[in-house]
Amino acid sequence: MFSASIGAQIARLEAIAQDKNLGGVYILIAGTMKMNEILTTTLQRFLVREADCKDCGAGTYQESNESSSCTPCPVGRYSASSSEGCSDCPDGETSIAGSSECYERPGPIFVTGTCDVLGYNGAYHAMNVTKSGRYYYKKEGEESYIYWDPNCDKGIEGEEKWILDNNKPSTEKDADLDDDINCTYGGSISSDSVLPPIGENTWTLWCVDPDLPWEEEPVTISASCPEGQESTVVGGKLICIPCPSGSYSGASLPTCSECPAGKYLESSTSSLEADACCTCPVGLISFPGSIFCVTEVHNWDFRGCISGEKVGDSSEGR
C-alpha cells in the first residue's frame, strides 16, 4: 500500500490534470518533484488514459508497446487493423506502403485520347515493380512507358504523378525514375493511385510543338481485352466482358462496335472489321446493333433484343 503522502500527491496530480483539461499522456518535467520508482510507475499507468489509446488502422502497425504512434507497412507487406506487425505479400503479389491488402500483377491496359503524334495510344503490359510497389507498363512493340513517380524533378515539394514517357523507368530509384531531373515526358496526371487512373480522366499532354503550351486533354485507360470482348470496371478493377450480340471487336480494342444499319450479327465476333456483320438480304432492313433483319418498318426498335422480343409499341402496320 502506498503511504499517505504518495497517495496525496497522486490525488493532487489528478486534480491538476482534470482542471487543466489535459489529455492522454502527461509529461512530468524532471526536477519538478522527486518521486520514488513506485510513484513514477503508478503515475504512468494512471495518467495514460485507456480511452485515448486507439487501434492502429489497416495498413499500419505498432512497433512496440512503448510506441505512441502507428507505422505504415513497407512495400511488399500488408496488415489488417489492430496489428502488431505486417505480413509478407503472397508469392506473385505486391503492395504499396501502408497497404491493407496485396494485389496481383495487373492485366494489360489500353490507352486512347493522347495526341496521335506522341504515339502513346495503344496496348500496354505491366512489366516490373518500382520502388513504390507499383508496376510500370510498356507499350506493345514500342519504347513507350507508363509509370508512377512521387517526385520527377527531385524538388522539395514533388508532385505524385502517373507519367507517359519514352524513357524506361528505374526500379531502383525512389524518385525521378527516368533520371532526367527536370520532368521531361509526354504526359502526366496527378494521382497517388495504385494503378493508372482508369476510365476517362484529364491528362496534361505535350503535343510535340515546343512553341505551344501543355494541353489538358481527356485520356481514357481501359482494359486491353481479347478479341470479341470489351473493357468495363467492376469493383474498381478493370475486367473484360463479351461483346453483346450485334456487335464486334478486334484485339485490344477497349469497346465493342455495333453493326451498322442494313447489317446484323446473331452473336458477338472477334473480327475488327465491320464486314464481319452480315448484310441483310434484299428487301430486308435492320437498325444499328441488330441481331436480325426485318421486312418492313413498324417503328419497332430491335436493338438489344437478344431473345427476339420486340421493344416499343406501334399501332401502325398491325
C-alpha atoms as a PDB file:
ATOM      1  CA  MET A   1       0.000   0.000   0.000  1.00  0.00           C
ATOM      2  CA  PHE A   2       1.266   3.497  -0.747  1.00  0.00           C
ATOM      3  CA  SER A   3       1.973   5.964   2.043  1.00  0.00           C
ATOM      4  CA  ALA A   4      -0.482   8.744   2.702  1.00  0.00           C
ATOM      5  CA  SER A   5       1.924  11.325   1.254  1.00  0.00           C
ATOM      6  CA  ILE A   6       2.276   9.422  -2.049  1.00  0.00           C
ATOM      7  CA  GLY A   7      -1.468   8.924  -2.282  1.00  0.00           C
ATOM      8  CA  ALA A   8      -1.984  12.624  -1.689  1.00  0.00           C
ATOM      9  CA  GLN A   9       0.452  13.501  -4.489  1.00  0.00           C
ATOM     10  CA  ILE A  10      -1.403  11.206  -6.882  1.00  0.00           C
ATOM     11  CA  ALA A  11      -4.741  12.787  -5.953  1.00  0.00           C
ATOM     12  CA  ARG A  12      -3.276  16.267  -6.370  1.00  0.00           C
ATOM     13  CA  LEU A  13      -1.834  15.467  -9.798  1.00  0.00           C
ATOM     14  CA  GLU A  14      -5.142  14.004 -10.889  1.00  0.00           C
ATOM     15  CA  ALA A  15      -6.980  17.143  -9.839  1.00  0.00           C
ATOM     16  CA  ILE A  16      -4.453  19.323 -11.716  1.00  0.00           C
ATOM     17  CA  ALA A  17      -4.796  17.231 -14.873  1.00  0.00           C
ATOM     18  CA  GLN A  18      -8.585  17.443 -14.795  1.00  0.00           C
ATOM     19  CA  ASP A  19      -8.539  21.179 -14.048  1.00  0.00           C
ATOM     20  CA  LYS A  20      -6.153  21.882 -16.948  1.00  0.00           C
ATOM     21  CA  ASN A  21      -8.184  19.595 -19.208  1.00  0.00           C
ATOM     22  CA  LEU A  22      -5.003  17.790 -20.187  1.00  0.00           C
ATOM     23  CA  GLY A  23      -5.493  14.815 -22.451  1.00  0.00           C
ATOM     24  CA  GLY A  24      -3.854  11.449 -22.845  1.00  0.00           C
ATOM     25  CA  VAL A  25      -0.249  11.304 -21.681  1.00  0.00           C
ATOM     26  CA  TYR A  26       1.073  13.918 -19.224  1.00  0.00           C
ATOM     27  CA  ILE A  27       4.735  14.853 -19.257  1.00  0.00           C
ATOM     28  CA  LEU A  28       6.339  15.458 -15.893  1.00  0.00           C
ATOM     29  CA  ILE A  29       9.417  17.681 -16.102  1.00  0.00           C
ATOM     30  CA  ALA A  30      12.405  16.153 -14.358  1.00  0.00           C
ATOM     31  CA  GLY A  31      13.384  18.068 -11.239  1.00  0.00           C
ATOM     32  CA  THR A  32       9.930  19.467 -10.563  1.00  0.00           C
ATOM     33  CA  MET A  33       9.417  16.879  -7.824  1.00  0.00           C
ATOM     34  CA  LYS A  34      11.223  13.859  -6.565  1.00  0.00           C
ATOM     35  CA  MET A  35       9.292  10.588  -6.717  1.00  0.00           C
ATOM     36  CA  ASN A  36      10.280   7.111  -5.883  1.00  0.00           C
ATOM     37  CA  GLU A  37      10.114   4.406  -8.570  1.00  0.00           C
ATOM     38  CA  ILE A  38       6.776   3.097  -7.354  1.00  0.00           C
ATOM     39  CA  LEU A  39       5.137   6.518  -7.619  1.00  0.00           C
ATOM     40  CA  THR A  40       6.546   7.086 -11.138  1.00  0.00           C
ATOM     41  CA  THR A  41       5.276   3.720 -12.396  1.00  0.00           C
ATOM     42  CA  THR A  42       1.875   4.304 -10.789  1.00  0.00           C
ATOM     43  CA  LEU A  43       1.558   7.751 -12.338  1.00  0.00           C
ATOM     44  CA  GLN A  44       2.444   6.415 -15.797  1.00  0.00           C
ATOM     45  CA  ARG A  45      -0.235   3.772 -15.557  1.00  0.00           C
ATOM     46  CA  PHE A  46      -2.761   6.215 -14.154  1.00  0.00           C
ATOM     47  CA  LEU A  47      -2.114   9.153 -16.404  1.00  0.00           C
ATOM     48  CA  VAL A  48      -2.279   7.191 -19.690  1.00  0.00           C
ATOM     49  CA  ARG A  49      -5.990   7.004 -20.249  1.00  0.00           C
ATOM     50  CA  GLU A  50      -7.270   3.887 -21.891  1.00  0.00           C
ATOM     51  CA  ALA A  51      -9.850   5.949 -23.824  1.00  0.00           C
ATOM     52  CA  ASP A  52      -7.038   7.839 -25.577  1.00  0.00           C
ATOM     53  CA  CYS A  53      -5.402   4.659 -26.909  1.00  0.00           C
ATOM     54  CA  LYS A  54      -6.675   3.700 -30.357  1.00  0.00           C
ATOM     55  CA  ASP A  55      -6.041   0.678 -32.515  1.00  0.00           C
ATOM     56  CA  CYS A  56      -3.638   1.070 -35.417  1.00  0.00           C
ATOM     57  CA  GLY A  57      -5.595   1.193 -38.662  1.00  0.00           C
ATOM     58  CA  ALA A  58      -5.320  -1.256 -41.533  1.00  0.00           C
ATOM     59  CA  GLY A  59      -2.030  -0.905 -43.370  1.00  0.00           C
ATOM     60  CA  THR A  60      -0.172   0.194 -40.212  1.00  0.00           C
ATOM     61  CA  TYR A  61       1.209  -1.462 -37.086  1.00  0.00           C
ATOM     62  CA  GLN A  62       2.579  -0.643 -33.643  1.00  0.00           C
ATOM     63  CA  GLU A  63       6.308  -1.243 -33.437  1.00  0.00           C
ATOM     64  CA  SER A  64       6.324  -1.776 -29.652  1.00  0.00           C
ATOM     65  CA  ASN A  65       4.194  -1.308 -26.554  1.00  0.00           C
ATOM     66  CA  GLU A  66       6.150   1.841 -25.766  1.00  0.00           C
ATOM     67  CA  SER A  67       5.399   3.352 -29.188  1.00  0.00           C
ATOM     68  CA  SER A  68       2.854   6.201 -29.195  1.00  0.00           C
ATOM     69  CA  SER A  69       2.198   6.114 -32.951  1.00  0.00           C
ATOM     70  CA  CYS A  70       1.441   3.671 -35.770  1.00  0.00           C
ATOM     71  CA  THR A  71       3.898   2.903 -38.573  1.00  0.00           C
ATOM     72  CA  PRO A  72       2.858   2.222 -42.209  1.00  0.00           C
ATOM     73  CA  CYS A  73       3.665  -1.238 -43.530  1.00  0.00           C
ATOM     74  CA  PRO A  74       6.546  -1.132 -46.039  1.00  0.00           C
ATOM     75  CA  VAL A  75       6.284  -2.008 -49.727  1.00  0.00           C
ATOM     76  CA  GLY A  76       5.563  -5.686 -50.269  1.00  0.00           C
ATOM     77  CA  ARG A  77       3.860  -6.135 -46.877  1.00  0.00           C
ATOM     78  CA  TYR A  78       0.355  -5.523 -45.504  1.00  0.00           C
ATOM     79  CA  SER A  79      -1.688  -5.614 -42.300  1.00  0.00           C
ATOM     80  CA  ALA A  80      -5.251  -5.665 -41.018  1.00  0.00           C
ATOM     81  CA  SER A  81      -6.347  -3.246 -38.264  1.00  0.00           C
ATOM     82  CA  SER A  82      -5.013  -3.595 -34.683  1.00  0.00           C
ATOM     83  CA  SER A  83      -1.867  -5.348 -35.935  1.00  0.00           C
ATOM     84  CA  GLU A  84       1.414  -5.631 -34.049  1.00  0.00           C
ATOM     85  CA  GLY A  85       3.259  -6.335 -37.297  1.00  0.00           C
ATOM     86  CA  CYS A  86       2.921  -6.631 -41.078  1.00  0.00           C
ATOM     87  CA  SER A  87       2.735  -9.794 -43.166  1.00  0.00           C
ATOM     88  CA  ASP A  88       4.603 -10.508 -46.400  1.00  0.00           C
ATOM     89  CA  CYS A  89       2.525 -10.467 -49.581  1.00  0.00           C
ATOM     90  CA  PRO A  90       1.897 -13.912 -51.100  1.00  0.00           C
ATOM     91  CA  ASP A  91       4.133 -15.057 -53.950  1.00  0.00           C
ATOM     92  CA  GLY A  92       3.295 -13.239 -57.168  1.00  0.00           C
ATOM     93  CA  GLU A  93       1.684 -10.289 -55.355  1.00  0.00           C
ATOM     94  CA  THR A  94       2.938  -6.955 -54.059  1.00  0.00           C
ATOM     95  CA  SER A  95       1.714  -3.816 -52.279  1.00  0.00           C
ATOM     96  CA  ILE A  96       2.492  -0.155 -51.874  1.00  0.00           C
ATOM     97  CA  ALA A  97       3.484   1.263 -48.475  1.00  0.00           C
ATOM     98  CA  GLY A  98       0.631   1.455 -45.963  1.00  0.00           C
ATOM     99  CA  SER A  99      -1.477  -1.252 -47.612  1.00  0.00           C
ATOM    100  CA  SER A 100      -4.171  -3.399 -46.031  1.00  0.00           C
ATOM    101  CA  GLU A 101      -4.010  -5.897 -48.890  1.00  0.00           C
ATOM    102  CA  CYS A 102      -1.774  -7.029 -51.727  1.00  0.00           C
ATOM    103  CA  TYR A 103      -2.522  -7.128 -55.441  1.00  0.00           C
ATOM    104  CA  GLU A 104      -1.582  -9.402 -58.325  1.00  0.00           C
ATOM    105  CA  ARG A 105       0.247  -8.344 -61.478  1.00  0.00           C
ATOM    106  CA  PRO A 106      -2.362  -6.215 -63.299  1.00  0.00           C
ATOM    107  CA  GLY A 107      -3.608  -7.176 -66.727  1.00  0.00           C
ATOM    108  CA  PRO A 108      -2.897  -5.226 -69.929  1.00  0.00           C
ATOM    109  CA  ILE A 109      -4.407  -1.780 -70.402  1.00  0.00           C
ATOM    110  CA  PHE A 110      -5.367   0.238 -73.481  1.00  0.00           C
ATOM    111  CA  VAL A 111      -4.738   3.986 -73.835  1.00  0.00           C
ATOM    112  CA  THR A 112      -6.758   6.262 -76.130  1.00  0.00           C
ATOM    113  CA  GLY A 113      -7.057  10.048 -76.427  1.00  0.00           C
ATOM    114  CA  THR A 114      -3.430  11.170 -76.411  1.00  0.00           C
ATOM    115  CA  CYS A 115      -2.093  13.276 -79.271  1.00  0.00           C
ATOM    116  CA  ASP A 116      -1.562  10.930 -82.209  1.00  0.00           C
ATOM    117  CA  VAL A 117       1.875  12.373 -82.893  1.00  0.00           C
ATOM    118  CA  LEU A 118       3.049  11.281 -79.448  1.00  0.00           C
ATOM    119  CA  GLY A 119       2.429   7.638 -80.282  1.00  0.00           C
ATOM    120  CA  TYR A 120       1.189   6.778 -76.800  1.00  0.00           C
ATOM    121  CA  ASN A 121      -2.172   5.346 -77.834  1.00  0.00           C
ATOM    122  CA  GLY A 122      -2.301   1.563 -77.780  1.00  0.00           C
ATOM    123  CA  ALA A 123      -1.972  -1.520 -75.577  1.00  0.00           C
ATOM    124  CA  TYR A 124       0.414  -1.671 -72.589  1.00  0.00           C
ATOM    125  CA  HIS A 125       1.548  -4.564 -70.390  1.00  0.00           C
ATOM    126  CA  ALA A 126       2.668  -4.496 -66.736  1.00  0.00           C
ATOM    127  CA  MET A 127       6.399  -5.231 -66.704  1.00  0.00           C
ATOM    128  CA  ASN A 128       8.037  -4.876 -63.290  1.00  0.00           C
ATOM    129  CA  VAL A 129       7.584  -3.327 -59.834  1.00  0.00           C
ATOM    130  CA  THR A 130       9.229   0.011 -58.998  1.00  0.00           C
ATOM    131  CA  LYS A 131      10.434   1.057 -55.520  1.00  0.00           C
ATOM    132  CA  SER A 132       6.953   2.427 -54.721  1.00  0.00           C
ATOM    133  CA  GLY A 133       5.391  -1.030 -55.112  1.00  0.00           C
ATOM    134  CA  ARG A 134       3.606  -0.017 -58.312  1.00  0.00           C
ATOM    135  CA  TYR A 135       4.079  -1.697 -61.688  1.00  0.00           C
ATOM    136  CA  TYR A 136       5.328   0.190 -64.691  1.00  0.00           C
ATOM    137  CA  TYR A 137       3.836  -0.556 -68.138  1.00  0.00           C
ATOM    138  CA  LYS A 138       5.402  -0.870 -71.585  1.00  0.00           C
ATOM    139  CA  LYS A 139       3.601  -0.383 -74.899  1.00  0.00           C
ATOM    140  CA  GLU A 140       3.428  -3.399 -77.190  1.00  0.00           C
ATOM    141  CA  GLY A 141       6.375  -3.347 -79.614  1.00  0.00           C
ATOM    142  CA  GLU A 142       7.477   0.196 -78.751  1.00  0.00           C
ATOM    143  CA  GLU A 143       9.586   2.107 -76.211  1.00  0.00           C
ATOM    144  CA  SER A 144       6.708   3.962 -74.562  1.00  0.00           C
ATOM    145  CA  TYR A 145       6.030   3.617 -70.848  1.00  0.00           C
ATOM    146  CA  ILE A 146       3.503   4.446 -68.142  1.00  0.00           C
ATOM    147  CA  TYR A 147       4.807   4.693 -64.577  1.00  0.00           C
ATOM    148  CA  TRP A 148       4.204   6.396 -61.233  1.00  0.00           C
ATOM    149  CA  ASP A 149       6.749   8.881 -59.890  1.00  0.00           C
ATOM    150  CA  PRO A 150       6.458  10.607 -56.480  1.00  0.00           C
ATOM    151  CA  ASN A 151       8.804  13.436 -57.431  1.00  0.00           C
ATOM    152  CA  CYS A 152      10.032  13.507 -61.021  1.00  0.00           C
ATOM    153  CA  ASP A 153      12.269  16.593 -60.656  1.00  0.00           C
ATOM    154  CA  LYS A 154      13.588  15.836 -57.150  1.00  0.00           C
ATOM    155  CA  GLY A 155      12.098  19.111 -55.944  1.00  0.00           C
ATOM    156  CA  ILE A 156      11.452  19.850 -52.288  1.00  0.00           C
ATOM    157  CA  GLU A 157       7.717  19.596 -52.817  1.00  0.00           C
ATOM    158  CA  GLY A 158       7.360  16.973 -55.503  1.00  0.00           C
ATOM    159  CA  GLU A 159       4.003  16.132 -57.029  1.00  0.00           C
ATOM    160  CA  GLU A 160       2.932  12.490 -57.280  1.00  0.00           C
ATOM    161  CA  LYS A 161       2.117  11.659 -60.904  1.00  0.00           C
ATOM    162  CA  TRP A 162       1.380   8.882 -63.359  1.00  0.00           C
ATOM    163  CA  ILE A 163       3.552   9.624 -66.374  1.00  0.00           C
ATOM    164  CA  LEU A 164       3.615   8.813 -70.099  1.00  0.00           C
ATOM    165  CA  ASP A 165       7.242   8.722 -71.197  1.00  0.00           C
ATOM    166  CA  ASN A 166       9.591   7.381 -73.873  1.00  0.00           C
ATOM    167  CA  ASN A 167      12.254   6.634 -71.243  1.00  0.00           C
ATOM    168  CA  LYS A 168      12.226   3.350 -69.336  1.00  0.00           C
ATOM    169  CA  PRO A 169      11.741   3.973 -65.594  1.00  0.00           C
ATOM    170  CA  SER A 170      14.177   2.703 -62.980  1.00  0.00           C
ATOM    171  CA  THR A 171      13.100   0.020 -60.492  1.00  0.00           C
ATOM    172  CA  GLU A 172      15.828   1.080 -58.052  1.00  0.00           C
ATOM    173  CA  LYS A 173      15.315   4.841 -57.698  1.00  0.00           C
ATOM    174  CA  ASP A 174      12.903   6.369 -55.169  1.00  0.00           C
ATOM    175  CA  ALA A 175      12.074   9.375 -57.384  1.00  0.00           C
ATOM    176  CA  ASP A 176      12.882  10.892 -60.787  1.00  0.00           C
ATOM    177  CA  LEU A 177      12.593   7.396 -62.215  1.00  0.00           C
ATOM    178  CA  ASP A 178      13.799   8.400 -65.698  1.00  0.00           C
ATOM    179  CA  ASP A 179      16.807  10.207 -64.173  1.00  0.00           C
ATOM    180  CA  ASP A 180      16.460  13.408 -66.211  1.00  0.00           C
ATOM    181  CA  ILE A 181      15.971  15.686 -63.157  1.00  0.00           C
ATOM    182  CA  ASN A 182      13.630  18.103 -64.980  1.00  0.00           C
ATOM    183  CA  CYS A 183      10.407  16.102 -65.562  1.00  0.00           C
ATOM    184  CA  THR A 184      10.702  15.678 -69.315  1.00  0.00           C
ATOM    185  CA  TYR A 185       7.877  13.449 -70.521  1.00  0.00           C
ATOM    186  CA  GLY A 186       4.922  13.361 -72.899  1.00  0.00           C
ATOM    187  CA  GLY A 187       2.021  13.434 -70.462  1.00  0.00           C
ATOM    188  CA  SER A 188       1.068  13.227 -66.788  1.00  0.00           C
ATOM    189  CA  ILE A 189      -1.801  13.207 -64.313  1.00  0.00           C
ATOM    190  CA  SER A 190      -1.580  13.962 -60.583  1.00  0.00           C
ATOM    191  CA  SER A 191      -2.513  10.817 -58.680  1.00  0.00           C
ATOM    192  CA  ASP A 192      -1.377   8.512 -55.878  1.00  0.00           C
ATOM    193  CA  SER A 193      -3.456   5.546 -57.078  1.00  0.00           C
ATOM    194  CA  VAL A 194      -2.018   2.022 -57.113  1.00  0.00           C
ATOM    195  CA  LEU A 195      -2.891   1.604 -60.820  1.00  0.00           C
ATOM    196  CA  PRO A 196      -3.025   4.196 -63.623  1.00  0.00           C
ATOM    197  CA  PRO A 197      -6.316   6.145 -63.304  1.00  0.00           C
ATOM    198  CA  ILE A 198      -8.904   4.068 -65.137  1.00  0.00           C
ATOM    199  CA  GLY A 199     -11.702   5.449 -67.276  1.00  0.00           C
ATOM    200  CA  GLU A 200     -11.646   8.903 -68.837  1.00  0.00           C
ATOM    201  CA  ASN A 201      -9.539  11.483 -66.980  1.00  0.00           C
ATOM    202  CA  THR A 202      -7.920  14.800 -67.867  1.00  0.00           C
ATOM    203  CA  TRP A 203      -4.181  14.441 -68.537  1.00  0.00           C
ATOM    204  CA  THR A 204      -1.638  17.179 -69.193  1.00  0.00           C
ATOM    205  CA  LEU A 205      -0.029  16.445 -72.586  1.00  0.00           C
ATOM    206  CA  TRP A 206       2.871  17.918 -74.538  1.00  0.00           C
ATOM    207  CA  CYS A 207       1.768  17.635 -78.151  1.00  0.00           C
ATOM    208  CA  VAL A 208       5.158  17.978 -79.869  1.00  0.00           C
ATOM    209  CA  ASP A 209       5.132  21.675 -80.821  1.00  0.00           C
ATOM    210  CA  PRO A 210       7.577  23.327 -78.369  1.00  0.00           C
ATOM    211  CA  ASP A 211       6.003  26.727 -79.030  1.00  0.00           C
ATOM    212  CA  LEU A 212       2.631  25.585 -77.711  1.00  0.00           C
ATOM    213  CA  PRO A 213       1.785  25.226 -74.006  1.00  0.00           C
ATOM    214  CA  TRP A 214       0.847  21.992 -72.326  1.00  0.00           C
ATOM    215  CA  GLU A 215      -2.660  20.881 -73.233  1.00  0.00           C
ATOM    216  CA  GLU A 216      -5.338  19.446 -70.957  1.00  0.00           C
ATOM    217  CA  GLU A 217      -6.906  16.537 -72.829  1.00  0.00           C
ATOM    218  CA  PRO A 218      -9.266  13.665 -71.927  1.00  0.00           C
ATOM    219  CA  VAL A 219      -7.381  10.372 -71.971  1.00  0.00           C
ATOM    220  CA  THR A 220      -9.079   7.016 -71.451  1.00  0.00           C
ATOM    221  CA  ILE A 221      -7.406   3.997 -69.885  1.00  0.00           C
ATOM    222  CA  SER A 222      -9.336   0.764 -70.167  1.00  0.00           C
ATOM    223  CA  ALA A 223      -8.624  -2.951 -70.071  1.00  0.00           C
ATOM    224  CA  SER A 224      -6.889  -4.334 -73.151  1.00  0.00           C
ATOM    225  CA  CYS A 225      -9.232  -7.196 -73.921  1.00  0.00           C
ATOM    226  CA  PRO A 226      -9.055 -10.269 -76.180  1.00  0.00           C
ATOM    227  CA  GLU A 227     -10.931 -10.296 -79.461  1.00  0.00           C
ATOM    228  CA  GLY A 228     -14.703 -10.320 -79.063  1.00  0.00           C
ATOM    229  CA  GLN A 229     -14.626  -8.620 -75.634  1.00  0.00           C
ATOM    230  CA  GLU A 230     -14.720  -5.093 -74.256  1.00  0.00           C
ATOM    231  CA  SER A 231     -13.479  -3.326 -71.131  1.00  0.00           C
ATOM    232  CA  THR A 232     -15.574  -2.415 -68.108  1.00  0.00           C
ATOM    233  CA  VAL A 233     -14.977  -1.528 -64.454  1.00  0.00           C
ATOM    234  CA  VAL A 234     -16.318  -3.707 -61.618  1.00  0.00           C
ATOM    235  CA  GLY A 235     -15.404  -3.004 -58.006  1.00  0.00           C
ATOM    236  CA  GLY A 236     -12.753  -0.509 -59.080  1.00  0.00           C
ATOM    237  CA  LYS A 237     -10.978  -3.118 -61.219  1.00  0.00           C
ATOM    238  CA  LEU A 238     -10.732  -3.431 -64.979  1.00  0.00           C
ATOM    239  CA  ILE A 239     -12.248  -6.591 -66.419  1.00  0.00           C
ATOM    240  CA  CYS A 240     -13.210  -7.820 -69.885  1.00  0.00           C
ATOM    241  CA  ILE A 241     -16.714  -8.956 -70.817  1.00  0.00           C
ATOM    242  CA  PRO A 242     -18.045 -10.470 -74.084  1.00  0.00           C
ATOM    243  CA  CYS A 243     -19.369  -8.069 -76.695  1.00  0.00           C
ATOM    244  CA  PRO A 244     -23.173  -8.083 -76.853  1.00  0.00           C
ATOM    245  CA  SER A 245     -24.871  -9.717 -79.802  1.00  0.00           C
ATOM    246  CA  GLY A 246     -24.982  -7.425 -82.818  1.00  0.00           C
ATOM    247  CA  SER A 247     -21.507  -6.014 -82.174  1.00  0.00           C
ATOM    248  CA  TYR A 248     -17.890  -6.822 -82.985  1.00  0.00           C
ATOM    249  CA  SER A 249     -14.440  -6.131 -81.558  1.00  0.00           C
ATOM    250  CA  GLY A 250     -10.801  -6.577 -82.523  1.00  0.00           C
ATOM    251  CA  ALA A 251      -7.902  -7.496 -80.246  1.00  0.00           C
ATOM    252  CA  SER A 252      -7.009  -4.851 -77.602  1.00  0.00           C
ATOM    253  CA  LEU A 253      -9.845  -2.513 -78.562  1.00  0.00           C
ATOM    254  CA  PRO A 254     -11.432  -1.048 -75.395  1.00  0.00           C
ATOM    255  CA  THR A 255     -15.018  -1.177 -76.663  1.00  0.00           C
ATOM    256  CA  CYS A 256     -17.243  -3.144 -78.989  1.00  0.00           C
ATOM    257  CA  SER A 257     -18.805  -1.550 -82.074  1.00  0.00           C
ATOM    258  CA  GLU A 258     -22.368  -2.067 -83.268  1.00  0.00           C
ATOM    259  CA  CYS A 259     -23.068  -3.476 -86.678  1.00  0.00           C
ATOM    260  CA  PRO A 260     -24.246  -0.602 -88.889  1.00  0.00           C
ATOM    261  CA  ALA A 261     -27.785  -0.227 -90.252  1.00  0.00           C
ATOM    262  CA  GLY A 262     -28.502  -2.715 -93.007  1.00  0.00           C
ATOM    263  CA  LYS A 263     -26.367  -5.384 -91.342  1.00  0.00           C
ATOM    264  CA  TYR A 264     -26.794  -7.767 -88.438  1.00  0.00           C
ATOM    265  CA  LEU A 265     -24.962 -10.266 -86.278  1.00  0.00           C
ATOM    266  CA  GLU A 266     -26.567 -13.005 -84.214  1.00  0.00           C
ATOM    267  CA  SER A 267     -23.661 -13.119 -81.750  1.00  0.00           C
ATOM    268  CA  SER A 268     -20.529 -11.117 -80.943  1.00  0.00           C
ATOM    269  CA  THR A 269     -17.471 -11.630 -83.099  1.00  0.00           C
ATOM    270  CA  SER A 270     -13.733 -11.236 -82.793  1.00  0.00           C
ATOM    271  CA  SER A 271     -13.326  -9.522 -86.119  1.00  0.00           C
ATOM    272  CA  LEU A 272     -12.019  -5.988 -86.216  1.00  0.00           C
ATOM    273  CA  GLU A 273     -13.781  -5.114 -89.447  1.00  0.00           C
ATOM    274  CA  ALA A 274     -17.404  -4.089 -89.777  1.00  0.00           C
ATOM    275  CA  ASP A 275     -17.724  -6.510 -92.712  1.00  0.00           C
ATOM    276  CA  ALA A 276     -17.873  -9.249 -90.044  1.00  0.00           C
ATOM    277  CA  CYS A 277     -21.520  -8.257 -89.753  1.00  0.00           C
ATOM    278  CA  CYS A 278     -23.878  -9.983 -92.179  1.00  0.00           C
ATOM    279  CA  THR A 279     -25.607  -7.889 -94.842  1.00  0.00           C
ATOM    280  CA  CYS A 280     -29.386  -8.048 -94.770  1.00  0.00           C
ATOM    281  CA  PRO A 281     -30.935  -9.851 -97.768  1.00  0.00           C
ATOM    282  CA  VAL A 282     -32.567  -7.752-100.482  1.00  0.00           C
ATOM    283  CA  GLY A 283     -35.846  -6.313 -99.231  1.00  0.00           C
ATOM    284  CA  LEU A 284     -34.921  -6.538 -95.550  1.00  0.00           C
ATOM    285  CA  ILE A 285     -33.567  -3.810 -93.272  1.00  0.00           C
ATOM    286  CA  SER A 286     -32.008  -3.511 -89.820  1.00  0.00           C
ATOM    287  CA  PHE A 287     -31.116  -0.902 -87.206  1.00  0.00           C
ATOM    288  CA  PRO A 288     -27.551  -0.424 -85.884  1.00  0.00           C
ATOM    289  CA  GLY A 289     -26.665  -3.228 -83.488  1.00  0.00           C
ATOM    290  CA  SER A 290     -29.339  -5.590 -84.823  1.00  0.00           C
ATOM    291  CA  ILE A 291     -29.254  -9.353 -84.390  1.00  0.00           C
ATOM    292  CA  PHE A 292     -31.616  -9.959 -87.337  1.00  0.00           C
ATOM    293  CA  CYS A 293     -33.286  -8.121 -90.238  1.00  0.00           C
ATOM    294  CA  VAL A 294     -36.975  -7.254 -90.707  1.00  0.00           C
ATOM    295  CA  THR A 295     -39.230  -6.984 -93.745  1.00  0.00           C
ATOM    296  CA  GLU A 296     -40.615  -3.504 -93.158  1.00  0.00           C
ATOM    297  CA  VAL A 297     -40.542  -0.735 -90.568  1.00  0.00           C
ATOM    298  CA  HIS A 298     -43.258  -0.708 -87.907  1.00  0.00           C
ATOM    299  CA  ASN A 299     -41.479   1.690 -85.569  1.00  0.00           C
ATOM    300  CA  TRP A 300     -40.037  -1.296 -83.743  1.00  0.00           C
ATOM    301  CA  ASP A 301     -36.589  -0.959 -82.196  1.00  0.00           C
ATOM    302  CA  PHE A 302     -34.829  -4.302 -82.221  1.00  0.00           C
ATOM    303  CA  ARG A 303     -31.584  -3.108 -80.708  1.00  0.00           C
ATOM    304  CA  GLY A 304     -30.683  -5.218 -77.688  1.00  0.00           C
ATOM    305  CA  CYS A 305     -33.458  -7.762 -78.249  1.00  0.00           C
ATOM    306  CA  ILE A 306     -31.276 -10.793 -77.655  1.00  0.00           C
ATOM    307  CA  SER A 307     -34.218 -13.135 -77.110  1.00  0.00           C
ATOM    308  CA  GLY A 308     -36.198 -11.722 -80.030  1.00  0.00           C
ATOM    309  CA  GLU A 309     -38.866  -9.773 -78.123  1.00  0.00           C
ATOM    310  CA  LYS A 310     -39.968  -6.503 -79.686  1.00  0.00           C
ATOM    311  CA  VAL A 311     -39.145  -3.331 -77.819  1.00  0.00           C
ATOM    312  CA  GLY A 312     -41.550  -0.449 -78.189  1.00  0.00           C
ATOM    313  CA  ASP A 313     -45.127  -0.205 -79.401  1.00  0.00           C
ATOM    314  CA  SER A 314     -46.905   0.907 -82.539  1.00  0.00           C
ATOM    315  CA  SER A 315     -50.377   0.547 -83.893  1.00  0.00           C
ATOM    316  CA  GLU A 316     -49.090   1.218 -87.387  1.00  0.00           C
ATOM    317  CA  GLY A 317     -48.995  -1.795 -89.687  1.00  0.00           C
ATOM    318  CA  ARG A 318     -50.795  -4.145 -87.285  1.00  0.00           C
END
